[in-house]
Amino acid sequence: MRLTKRLMTIAKFISTGSVVADIGTDHAMLPVYLIKNGISEKVIAGDLNKGPLEMAKKNVIEAGFLDRIFLRQGNGLEIISSGEVDTAVISGMGGSTIREIIQNAGSAANSLKKMVLQPMNDSRRLRKWLVENGWAIDDEEIVEEDSRLYEIVCVVRGVEKTMDIDIVSVGPRLFEKKHPLLLKLIRNELENFNRIVSDMEKSALSKTILKRSEVQREIDVLERIEKCLLLNARQ
């Protein structure tokens, strides 16, 4: 069983010896990899839907890890109890969904030492929410797979050291390491936001005008970070 580049990057953020909850496990490819390579001794693999869990069970049985990978059907982190795991992986979902999963988990989320998150969208609001709620961004990565960019954010309990909230939103560790794909990611977002503004300009509705103002603020933030990255690249 070979991991995709995205899943392999997620696996690299998991500390050896961790007890892991893989939320939205799908086919349990990541849990099997973690056990097979001695990264984790126990993984709880959860999914909301029965179909993916059945396929996951088949893969776990084939790998011979039913005694170390525990399959559970349920919503988000609600499948675990407080202190049962130390690390959670939540990947392949929207940023707002990931935030809701963490919020709804209560003590189970509070007991975690680390989370590895891979939002499909809305990553900037997710980062802001995380640092406002007791999480520090430990490390980050961007991977390109099938012509798409994926952000992977590893957070730990603590206080975020970066004070500039705009830089926090785009990825403080990405910014620090001058990640080669960060500029491409920002420009992709700018292109999308500018397209939205262009479409909104055709409407005179007050709600649309307000929304356009909000989108323009997002554009201003991204353009500021873009300029900083270009300036740093020249230094």
Protein backbone atom coordinates (compact mmCIF):
# COMPACT_ATOMS: atom_id res chain seq x y z
CA MET A 1 0.00 0.00 0.00
CA ARG A 2 1.66 3.17 -1.23
CA LEU A 3 0.78 6.55 0.24
CA THR A 4 0.13 9.62 -1.85
CA LYS A 5 2.53 12.52 -1.50
CA ARG A 6 -0.05 14.33 0.62
CA LEU A 7 -0.51 11.45 3.06
CA MET A 8 3.23 10.80 3.22
CA THR A 9 3.78 14.41 4.27
CA ILE A 10 1.11 14.07 6.97
CA ALA A 11 2.86 10.92 8.24
CA LYS A 12 6.15 12.82 8.58
CA PHE A 13 4.54 15.17 11.10
CA ILE A 14 3.57 12.32 13.43
CA SER A 15 6.06 11.61 16.23
CA THR A 16 7.28 8.07 16.76
CA GLY A 17 5.39 6.39 19.60
CA SER A 18 2.25 8.49 19.17
CA VAL A 19 -1.22 7.12 19.71
CA VAL A 20 -3.17 8.52 16.78
CA ALA A 21 -6.77 9.19 15.82
CA ASP A 22 -7.20 9.41 12.04
CA ILE A 23 -10.44 11.30 11.46
CA GLY A 24 -12.01 10.71 8.05
CA THR A 25 -9.72 7.72 7.55
CA ASP A 26 -11.35 6.66 4.28
CA HIS A 27 -9.49 3.42 3.32
CA ALA A 28 -7.20 3.48 6.40
CA MET A 29 -4.11 3.89 4.26
CA LEU A 30 -2.46 6.26 6.74
CA PRO A 31 -3.10 4.07 9.84
CA VAL A 32 -1.71 1.00 8.08
CA TYR A 33 1.40 2.96 7.09
CA LEU A 34 1.91 4.29 10.63
CA ILE A 35 1.71 0.81 12.18
CA LYS A 36 3.72 -0.91 9.45
CA ASN A 37 6.58 1.55 9.76
CA GLY A 38 6.69 1.57 13.56
CA ILE A 39 5.61 5.19 13.87
CA SER A 40 2.58 4.38 16.00
CA GLU A 41 1.65 1.38 18.12
CA LYS A 42 -2.08 2.12 18.10
CA VAL A 43 -4.35 4.03 15.75
CA ILE A 44 -8.06 4.74 16.01
CA ALA A 45 -9.42 5.09 12.48
CA GLY A 46 -12.74 6.88 12.26
CA ASP A 47 -15.15 7.77 9.50
CA LEU A 48 -18.68 9.13 9.45
CA ASN A 49 -19.83 6.74 6.74
CA LYS A 50 -20.14 2.95 6.80
CA GLY A 51 -18.89 2.39 3.24
CA PRO A 52 -15.36 3.77 3.71
CA LEU A 53 -15.05 1.93 7.05
CA GLU A 54 -15.87 -1.38 5.38
CA MET A 55 -13.10 -0.79 2.85
CA ALA A 56 -10.82 0.34 5.67
CA LYS A 57 -11.53 -2.88 7.58
CA LYS A 58 -10.65 -4.93 4.51
CA ASN A 59 -7.29 -3.14 4.19
CA VAL A 60 -6.56 -3.46 7.91
CA ILE A 61 -7.30 -7.20 7.85
CA GLU A 62 -5.08 -7.68 4.79
CA ALA A 63 -2.27 -5.86 6.59
CA GLY A 64 -2.80 -7.98 9.72
CA PHE A 65 -3.28 -5.02 12.06
CA LEU A 66 -6.77 -5.53 13.50
CA ASP A 67 -5.22 -5.72 16.95
CA ARG A 68 -3.63 -2.26 16.62
CA ILE A 69 -5.95 -0.32 14.30
CA PHE A 70 -9.40 0.17 15.82
CA LEU A 71 -12.18 1.15 13.43
CA ARG A 72 -14.99 3.37 14.67
CA GLN A 73 -17.93 4.96 12.92
CA GLY A 74 -18.84 8.40 14.14
CA ASN A 75 -18.62 12.15 13.75
CA GLY A 76 -15.17 13.69 14.04
CA LEU A 77 -13.34 13.52 17.35
CA GLU A 78 -16.48 12.29 19.08
CA ILE A 79 -15.22 8.73 18.44
CA ILE A 80 -12.47 9.15 21.06
CA SER A 81 -12.53 9.83 24.78
CA SER A 82 -10.41 12.33 26.67
CA GLY A 83 -6.79 11.18 26.97
CA GLU A 84 -7.26 8.16 24.71
CA VAL A 85 -4.90 9.48 22.02
CA ASP A 86 -2.24 12.18 21.94
CA THR A 87 -2.32 13.04 18.23
CA ALA A 88 -5.20 13.63 15.83
CA VAL A 89 -5.09 13.76 12.04
CA ILE A 90 -7.98 15.58 10.36
CA SER A 91 -7.52 15.76 6.61
CA GLY A 92 -9.43 16.17 3.39
CA MET A 93 -12.14 18.44 4.82
CA GLY A 94 -12.95 22.12 4.61
CA GLY A 95 -11.36 24.45 7.13
CA SER A 96 -14.71 25.35 8.70
CA THR A 97 -15.58 21.65 9.09
CA ILE A 98 -12.24 20.98 10.79
CA ARG A 99 -12.87 23.89 13.16
CA GLU A 100 -16.33 22.54 14.03
CA ILE A 101 -14.91 19.06 14.67
CA ILE A 102 -12.40 20.48 17.16
CA GLN A 103 -14.98 22.76 18.81
CA ASN A 104 -17.51 19.95 19.23
CA ALA A 105 -14.97 17.51 20.70
CA GLY A 106 -14.68 19.30 24.04
CA SER A 107 -12.38 17.53 26.51
CA ALA A 108 -11.25 15.01 23.87
CA ALA A 109 -9.72 17.84 21.84
CA ASN A 110 -8.33 19.58 24.93
CA SER A 111 -6.41 16.43 25.88
CA LEU A 112 -4.57 16.26 22.55
CA LYS A 113 -0.91 17.22 22.39
CA LYS A 114 -0.76 17.58 18.63
CA MET A 115 -3.02 17.86 15.58
CA VAL A 116 -2.05 17.43 11.95
CA LEU A 117 -4.60 19.21 9.78
CA GLN A 118 -5.02 19.29 6.03
CA PRO A 119 -7.83 21.69 5.12
CA MET A 120 -9.14 21.65 1.57
CA ASN A 121 -10.09 25.32 1.81
CA ASP A 122 -10.49 28.21 4.26
CA SER A 123 -7.07 27.52 5.77
CA ARG A 124 -6.42 31.14 6.74
CA ARG A 125 -9.48 31.41 8.98
CA LEU A 126 -8.64 28.02 10.46
CA ARG A 127 -5.13 29.14 11.43
CA LYS A 128 -6.48 32.31 13.03
CA TRP A 129 -9.01 30.33 15.04
CA LEU A 130 -6.40 27.82 16.18
CA VAL A 131 -3.98 30.43 17.54
CA GLU A 132 -6.87 32.24 19.24
CA ASN A 133 -7.83 29.01 20.99
CA GLY A 134 -4.59 27.83 22.56
CA TRP A 135 -2.79 26.19 19.64
CA ALA A 136 0.62 27.15 18.25
CA ILE A 137 1.66 26.34 14.71
CA ASP A 138 4.62 23.99 15.07
CA ASP A 139 5.35 23.29 11.40
CA GLU A 140 3.71 23.46 8.00
CA GLU A 141 4.12 22.16 4.50
CA ILE A 142 2.66 22.64 1.03
CA VAL A 143 2.62 19.73 -1.38
CA GLU A 144 1.63 19.71 -5.02
CA GLU A 145 -0.26 16.65 -6.17
CA ASP A 146 -2.17 16.22 -9.42
CA SER A 147 -1.81 19.94 -10.19
CA ARG A 148 -3.35 20.92 -6.85
CA LEU A 149 -1.71 22.53 -3.83
CA TYR A 150 -2.41 21.09 -0.39
CA GLU A 151 -1.60 22.84 2.90
CA ILE A 152 -0.68 20.70 5.89
CA VAL A 153 -0.59 22.38 9.30
CA CYS A 154 0.87 20.77 12.41
CA VAL A 155 -0.23 22.42 15.67
CA VAL A 156 0.66 21.83 19.32
CA ARG A 157 -0.67 23.22 22.58
CA GLY A 158 0.90 26.60 23.30
CA VAL A 159 1.10 30.26 22.36
CA GLU A 160 1.87 31.19 18.75
CA LYS A 161 5.09 33.21 18.58
CA THR A 162 4.20 35.19 15.44
CA MET A 163 2.34 38.36 16.35
CA ASP A 164 1.38 39.49 12.84
CA ILE A 165 -2.08 37.95 12.34
CA ASP A 166 -1.87 38.32 8.56
CA ILE A 167 1.29 36.21 8.44
CA VAL A 168 -0.30 33.75 10.86
CA SER A 169 -3.23 33.37 8.48
CA VAL A 170 -1.11 32.44 5.44
CA GLY A 171 1.24 30.23 7.44
CA PRO A 172 3.94 31.60 9.75
CA ARG A 173 6.25 28.59 9.40
CA LEU A 174 5.76 28.63 5.62
CA PHE A 175 6.64 32.32 5.62
CA GLU A 176 9.73 31.77 7.80
CA LYS A 177 11.14 29.00 5.63
CA LYS A 178 10.31 30.95 2.44
CA HIS A 179 8.50 27.93 1.13
CA PRO A 180 8.88 27.72 -2.64
CA LEU A 181 5.17 27.02 -3.16
CA LEU A 182 3.79 29.71 -0.85
CA LEU A 183 3.95 32.46 -3.47
CA LYS A 184 2.17 30.21 -5.96
CA LEU A 185 -0.51 29.42 -3.39
CA ILE A 186 -1.08 33.11 -2.62
CA ARG A 187 -1.28 34.00 -6.30
CA ASN A 188 -3.82 31.24 -6.88
CA GLU A 189 -5.95 32.70 -4.08
CA LEU A 190 -5.56 36.22 -5.44
CA GLU A 191 -6.69 35.07 -8.86
CA ASN A 192 -9.76 33.45 -7.33
CA PHE A 193 -10.63 36.48 -5.18
CA ASN A 194 -10.16 38.90 -8.07
CA ARG A 195 -12.50 36.77 -10.18
CA ILE A 196 -15.10 36.94 -7.39
CA VAL A 197 -14.79 40.74 -7.15
CA SER A 198 -15.15 41.04 -10.90
CA ASP A 199 -18.38 39.06 -10.81
CA MET A 200 -19.69 41.10 -7.85
CA GLU A 201 -19.11 44.39 -9.63
CA LYS A 202 -21.97 43.48 -11.93
CA SER A 203 -24.40 43.64 -9.00
CA ALA A 204 -25.69 46.73 -7.16
CA LEU A 205 -27.29 44.81 -4.25
CA SER A 206 -26.26 46.12 -0.82
CA LYS A 207 -25.39 42.62 0.42
CA THR A 208 -23.15 42.11 -2.58
CA ILE A 209 -21.44 45.45 -2.01
CA LEU A 210 -20.73 44.48 1.62
CA LYS A 211 -19.41 41.08 0.58
CA ARG A 212 -17.24 42.70 -2.08
CA SER A 213 -15.70 44.89 0.62
CA GLU A 214 -14.88 41.78 2.69
CA VAL A 215 -13.29 40.04 -0.29
CA GLN A 216 -11.28 43.16 -1.07
CA ARG A 217 -9.85 43.08 2.46
CA GLU A 218 -8.74 39.51 1.81
CA ILE A 219 -7.08 40.64 -1.40
CA ASP A 220 -5.29 43.46 0.43
CA VAL A 221 -3.88 40.99 2.98
CA LEU A 222 -2.66 38.57 0.32
CA GLU A 223 -1.10 41.35 -1.75
CA ARG A 224 0.76 42.58 1.31
CA ILE A 225 2.17 39.11 2.01
CA GLU A 226 3.03 38.68 -1.66
CA LYS A 227 5.10 41.88 -1.56
CA CYS A 228 6.87 40.72 1.62
CA LEU A 229 7.75 37.38 0.02
CA LEU A 230 9.12 39.06 -3.10
CA LEU A 231 11.15 41.46 -0.98
CA ASN A 232 12.58 38.59 1.09
CA ALA A 233 13.45 36.68 -2.05
CA ARG A 234 15.66 39.56 -3.20
CA GLN A 235 17.56 39.70 0.08
